[in-house]
Amino acid sequence: MDMPPSGIVYDMSNAEYHKQIGYSSSAIKTVCKQSLAHYMAQKPLGDSPAFALGSAVHATLLEPDRDLVFKGPKTRVSKMFKEMYANKKEDEVVLTEVEYHVHNKMCHSALDNPICNELLTHEGRITESSVFVNDPYSGLNLKTRPDLYIPETGQIFDIKTTIDASPKGFAEQVGKYAYHIQAAFYLYTCKLAGLEAKEFSFIAIEKTAPYVAHLHKVSPELMMKSLEKVKETLVTVAEANLTGDYATGWGDYSTLKVGDF
């Protein structure tokens, strides 16, 4: 098996990054949220409309000079759309007319937000870098790809397309999708790679009108608690790799109680 790259790679495409071996935050989030069994059964996301929209927003905001997003016809089932999709290059995204319009609204919203604009256009910013490290606690190879890194301040940012960018609404999304685990994993791997990584924030952009963009910082307390969970999960995965036991760990049964929902 080929050895993974080591350290920080600045010129690797997103498609090439995903081909590299190593545990990503997505894998660790799945184990945290569900179980080892669910991680083992995990399949690639593919290119669903939601995934394509998110990829398009990322491409336009983080790599505006590459011209990666293309407007297709009205529907994905049309012959023209299928031809455009079949002929697109790696990292290119083809959207329907409506999706392209939504993508434009979302990107404009992010750039119209003074704080988000300052971050996304920061002179010293580094976007879409790839990080590969070996975890000293578990021995696992880890990889991550920060959306936006500002070396000057040690800040890392991740763009999230969401149904609700409000403080309460996005906090619920963080809990539901374990975004806090992702944040801790990113900061942890970047520090292992030697980056000055001090703070993590999300740039949340709504997928429906009014397409609000809002910055959400991860508190030091939440980061510390999440990092403990990340390290615990990495050891769990490493032990499972040794024993071959990828069971759920849920026990024989569970009891539903008042307050569970």
Protein backbone atom coordinates (compact mmCIF):
# COMPACT_ATOMS: atom_id res chain seq x y z
CA MET A 1 0.00 0.00 0.00
CA ASP A 2 1.31 3.44 -0.88
CA MET A 3 2.32 5.64 2.00
CA PRO A 4 0.25 8.81 2.45
CA PRO A 5 1.81 12.24 2.02
CA SER A 6 3.18 13.81 5.18
CA GLY A 7 2.76 17.34 6.48
CA ILE A 8 1.05 20.17 4.59
CA VAL A 9 0.38 20.02 0.86
CA TYR A 10 -0.73 23.31 -0.69
CA ASP A 11 -1.31 22.35 -4.32
CA MET A 12 -3.37 19.15 -4.07
CA SER A 13 -6.81 19.08 -5.67
CA ASN A 14 -9.86 18.13 -3.66
CA ALA A 15 -10.33 15.00 -5.79
CA GLU A 16 -6.71 13.92 -5.22
CA TYR A 17 -7.01 14.58 -1.48
CA HIS A 18 -9.95 12.20 -1.18
CA LYS A 19 -7.91 9.45 -2.85
CA GLN A 20 -5.28 9.55 -0.10
CA ILE A 21 -5.42 7.06 2.76
CA GLY A 22 -6.01 8.32 6.27
CA TYR A 23 -8.87 8.90 8.69
CA SER A 24 -10.75 12.13 8.12
CA SER A 25 -13.06 14.06 10.41
CA SER A 26 -16.04 12.48 8.64
CA ALA A 27 -14.95 9.02 9.76
CA ILE A 28 -14.39 10.12 13.36
CA LYS A 29 -17.74 11.98 13.44
CA THR A 30 -19.55 8.83 12.31
CA VAL A 31 -18.00 6.77 15.09
CA CYS A 32 -18.85 9.48 17.65
CA LYS A 33 -22.44 9.96 16.47
CA GLN A 34 -23.28 6.33 15.78
CA SER A 35 -20.77 3.49 15.99
CA LEU A 36 -17.84 1.66 14.48
CA ALA A 37 -20.31 -0.50 12.57
CA HIS A 38 -21.79 2.56 10.90
CA TYR A 39 -18.34 3.82 9.97
CA MET A 40 -17.50 0.47 8.34
CA ALA A 41 -20.76 0.63 6.35
CA GLN A 42 -20.21 4.25 5.31
CA LYS A 43 -20.36 4.97 1.58
CA PRO A 44 -19.09 7.99 -0.38
CA LEU A 45 -21.55 10.89 -0.48
CA GLY A 46 -21.65 10.89 -4.26
CA ASP A 47 -22.86 13.93 -6.15
CA SER A 48 -26.35 14.66 -4.84
CA PRO A 49 -27.88 18.11 -5.52
CA ALA A 50 -27.15 19.16 -1.92
CA PHE A 51 -23.54 17.96 -2.15
CA ALA A 52 -23.08 19.68 -5.52
CA LEU A 53 -24.45 22.98 -4.17
CA GLY A 54 -22.10 22.86 -1.19
CA SER A 55 -19.14 22.05 -3.43
CA ALA A 56 -20.04 24.93 -5.75
CA VAL A 57 -20.23 27.46 -2.91
CA HIS A 58 -16.88 26.26 -1.59
CA ALA A 59 -15.28 26.49 -5.02
CA THR A 60 -16.54 30.01 -5.73
CA LEU A 61 -15.63 31.45 -2.33
CA LEU A 62 -12.33 29.65 -1.80
CA GLU A 63 -10.98 29.26 -5.33
CA PRO A 64 -12.58 32.08 -7.35
CA ASP A 65 -9.75 32.18 -9.89
CA ARG A 66 -10.25 28.59 -11.03
CA ASP A 67 -13.74 28.98 -12.58
CA LEU A 68 -15.00 25.58 -11.38
CA VAL A 69 -18.79 26.13 -11.35
CA PHE A 70 -20.95 25.84 -14.48
CA LYS A 71 -24.62 26.56 -15.06
CA GLY A 72 -26.47 23.75 -16.75
CA PRO A 73 -30.06 23.41 -17.99
CA LYS A 74 -33.20 23.35 -15.85
CA THR A 75 -33.14 19.68 -14.87
CA ARG A 76 -30.54 17.04 -14.05
CA VAL A 77 -32.34 14.44 -16.16
CA SER A 78 -31.92 16.39 -19.40
CA LYS A 79 -29.52 15.17 -22.08
CA MET A 80 -27.55 18.42 -21.94
CA PHE A 81 -26.98 18.17 -18.19
CA LYS A 82 -25.84 14.56 -18.44
CA GLU A 83 -23.39 15.50 -21.18
CA MET A 84 -22.01 18.43 -19.19
CA TYR A 85 -21.64 16.21 -16.12
CA ALA A 86 -19.94 13.45 -18.09
CA ASN A 87 -17.42 15.89 -19.61
CA LYS A 88 -16.58 17.91 -16.50
CA LYS A 89 -13.08 17.74 -15.04
CA GLU A 90 -12.11 16.83 -11.49
CA ASP A 91 -13.25 19.45 -8.96
CA GLU A 92 -15.61 21.06 -11.48
CA VAL A 93 -19.29 21.34 -10.53
CA VAL A 94 -22.31 21.45 -12.82
CA LEU A 95 -25.55 22.91 -11.40
CA THR A 96 -29.06 23.29 -12.72
CA GLU A 97 -30.31 26.81 -13.47
CA VAL A 98 -32.10 27.07 -10.13
CA GLU A 99 -29.15 25.63 -8.18
CA TYR A 100 -26.79 28.06 -9.90
CA HIS A 101 -29.05 30.98 -8.94
CA VAL A 102 -29.13 29.80 -5.31
CA HIS A 103 -25.35 29.35 -5.34
CA ASN A 104 -24.92 32.95 -6.52
CA LYS A 105 -27.23 34.26 -3.79
CA MET A 106 -25.32 32.34 -1.11
CA CYS A 107 -21.92 33.53 -2.29
CA HIS A 108 -23.06 37.14 -2.55
CA SER A 109 -24.48 36.92 0.97
CA ALA A 110 -21.17 35.68 2.36
CA LEU A 111 -19.21 38.41 0.61
CA ASP A 112 -21.75 41.07 1.65
CA ASN A 113 -21.15 40.17 5.30
CA PRO A 114 -18.26 42.48 6.38
CA ILE A 115 -16.65 39.95 8.75
CA CYS A 116 -16.96 37.02 6.34
CA ASN A 117 -15.73 39.15 3.46
CA GLU A 118 -12.64 40.20 5.39
CA LEU A 119 -11.80 36.56 6.12
CA LEU A 120 -12.52 35.23 2.63
CA THR A 121 -10.43 37.95 0.98
CA HIS A 122 -7.67 38.20 3.61
CA GLU A 123 -4.35 38.85 1.89
CA GLY A 124 -2.48 36.14 3.79
CA ARG A 125 -5.19 33.49 3.64
CA ILE A 126 -4.49 29.89 2.67
CA THR A 127 -7.39 27.96 1.17
CA GLU A 128 -7.97 24.26 0.51
CA SER A 129 -4.62 23.06 1.87
CA SER A 130 -4.30 19.34 2.65
CA VAL A 131 -2.84 18.12 5.95
CA PHE A 132 -1.52 14.60 6.58
CA VAL A 133 -0.17 13.45 9.95
CA ASN A 134 0.36 10.36 12.08
CA ASP A 135 -1.40 10.47 15.44
CA PRO A 136 1.07 9.73 18.27
CA TYR A 137 -1.68 8.44 20.60
CA SER A 138 -3.38 5.93 18.32
CA GLY A 139 -0.84 5.39 15.56
CA LEU A 140 -3.51 6.17 12.93
CA ASN A 141 -2.81 8.17 9.80
CA LEU A 142 -5.04 11.26 9.81
CA LYS A 143 -5.91 13.75 7.10
CA THR A 144 -7.80 17.00 6.94
CA ARG A 145 -8.45 19.81 4.47
CA PRO A 146 -9.16 23.18 6.11
CA ASP A 147 -11.30 25.45 3.96
CA LEU A 148 -9.57 28.59 5.12
CA TYR A 149 -6.50 29.17 7.27
CA ILE A 150 -5.02 32.50 8.29
CA PRO A 151 -1.45 31.93 9.56
CA GLU A 152 -1.18 35.47 10.92
CA THR A 153 -3.83 34.79 13.56
CA GLY A 154 -3.81 31.00 13.75
CA GLN A 155 -7.50 30.87 12.79
CA ILE A 156 -9.12 28.03 10.87
CA PHE A 157 -12.51 28.41 9.20
CA ASP A 158 -14.93 25.95 7.67
CA ILE A 159 -17.78 26.92 5.35
CA LYS A 160 -21.09 25.22 6.08
CA THR A 161 -24.18 25.46 3.91
CA THR A 162 -27.12 25.15 6.29
CA ILE A 163 -30.87 25.46 6.66
CA ASP A 164 -30.49 27.88 9.57
CA ALA A 165 -27.52 30.16 10.27
CA SER A 166 -29.03 31.73 13.40
CA PRO A 167 -27.14 31.18 16.69
CA LYS A 168 -29.74 28.76 18.06
CA GLY A 169 -30.49 27.07 14.75
CA PHE A 170 -26.88 26.47 13.80
CA ALA A 171 -26.03 25.25 17.31
CA GLU A 172 -28.66 22.56 16.79
CA GLN A 173 -26.99 21.61 13.50
CA VAL A 174 -23.61 21.43 15.26
CA GLY A 175 -25.02 18.95 17.76
CA LYS A 176 -26.90 16.93 15.14
CA TYR A 177 -23.98 16.57 12.73
CA ALA A 178 -21.13 16.63 15.29
CA TYR A 179 -19.52 19.69 13.76
CA HIS A 180 -17.77 20.34 17.07
CA ILE A 181 -15.95 17.02 16.64
CA GLN A 182 -14.86 18.14 13.19
CA ALA A 183 -13.59 21.43 14.64
CA ALA A 184 -11.49 19.68 17.28
CA PHE A 185 -10.17 17.16 14.74
CA TYR A 186 -9.10 19.95 12.37
CA LEU A 187 -7.34 21.93 15.08
CA TYR A 188 -5.67 18.78 16.41
CA THR A 189 -4.34 17.56 13.05
CA CYS A 190 -3.16 21.02 12.04
CA LYS A 191 -1.22 21.39 15.30
CA LEU A 192 0.37 17.97 14.79
CA ALA A 193 1.47 19.17 11.34
CA GLY A 194 3.18 22.17 12.92
CA LEU A 195 0.66 24.83 12.01
CA GLU A 196 -0.11 27.66 14.41
CA ALA A 197 -3.74 26.67 14.99
CA LYS A 198 -5.41 28.56 17.84
CA GLU A 199 -9.07 29.03 17.00
CA PHE A 200 -11.80 27.44 14.87
CA SER A 201 -14.92 29.06 13.44
CA PHE A 202 -17.71 28.18 11.03
CA ILE A 203 -18.94 30.44 8.25
CA ALA A 204 -22.57 29.31 8.02
CA ILE A 205 -24.53 30.24 4.88
CA GLU A 206 -28.24 29.56 4.51
CA LYS A 207 -29.42 27.58 1.48
CA THR A 208 -32.78 29.35 1.29
CA ALA A 209 -33.90 32.99 1.37
CA PRO A 210 -32.78 35.29 2.86
CA TYR A 211 -29.48 33.37 2.48
CA VAL A 212 -27.99 34.83 5.65
CA ALA A 213 -24.27 34.29 6.31
CA HIS A 214 -23.06 34.31 9.91
CA LEU A 215 -19.79 33.54 11.70
CA HIS A 216 -19.88 31.04 14.60
CA LYS A 217 -16.79 30.70 16.81
CA VAL A 218 -16.12 27.49 18.76
CA SER A 219 -15.51 28.32 22.42
CA PRO A 220 -12.31 27.10 24.17
CA GLU A 221 -14.47 25.05 26.56
CA LEU A 222 -16.30 23.23 23.78
CA MET A 223 -13.06 22.74 21.87
CA MET A 224 -11.35 21.16 24.89
CA LYS A 225 -14.26 18.81 25.56
CA SER A 226 -14.52 17.87 21.88
CA LEU A 227 -10.77 17.23 21.62
CA GLU A 228 -11.01 14.72 24.48
CA LYS A 229 -13.74 12.91 22.55
CA VAL A 230 -11.66 12.95 19.35
CA LYS A 231 -8.63 11.38 21.07
CA GLU A 232 -10.85 8.79 22.77
CA THR A 233 -12.44 7.88 19.43
CA LEU A 234 -9.10 7.59 17.64
CA VAL A 235 -7.95 5.05 20.23
CA THR A 236 -11.26 3.17 19.86
CA VAL A 237 -10.77 2.94 16.09
CA ALA A 238 -7.16 1.81 16.49
CA GLU A 239 -8.18 -0.93 18.93
CA ALA A 240 -10.93 -2.08 16.59
CA ASN A 241 -8.40 -2.32 13.77
CA LEU A 242 -6.31 -4.64 15.94
CA THR A 243 -9.15 -6.87 17.13
CA GLY A 244 -11.35 -6.76 14.04
CA ASP A 245 -14.35 -6.02 16.26
CA TYR A 246 -16.42 -3.23 14.73
CA ALA A 247 -19.63 -3.82 16.68
CA THR A 248 -21.93 -0.97 17.71
CA GLY A 249 -21.12 -1.30 21.41
CA TRP A 250 -24.74 -0.51 22.25
CA GLY A 251 -25.34 -3.59 24.41
CA ASP A 252 -28.23 -6.05 24.09
CA TYR A 253 -30.98 -3.43 24.40
CA SER A 254 -31.70 0.16 25.38
CA THR A 255 -34.44 1.69 27.53
CA LEU A 256 -36.23 4.82 26.38
CA LYS A 257 -36.73 7.27 29.25
CA VAL A 258 -38.49 10.54 29.92
CA GLY A 259 -36.24 13.35 28.74
CA ASP A 260 -34.62 11.34 25.94
CA PHE A 261 -36.59 13.28 23.34
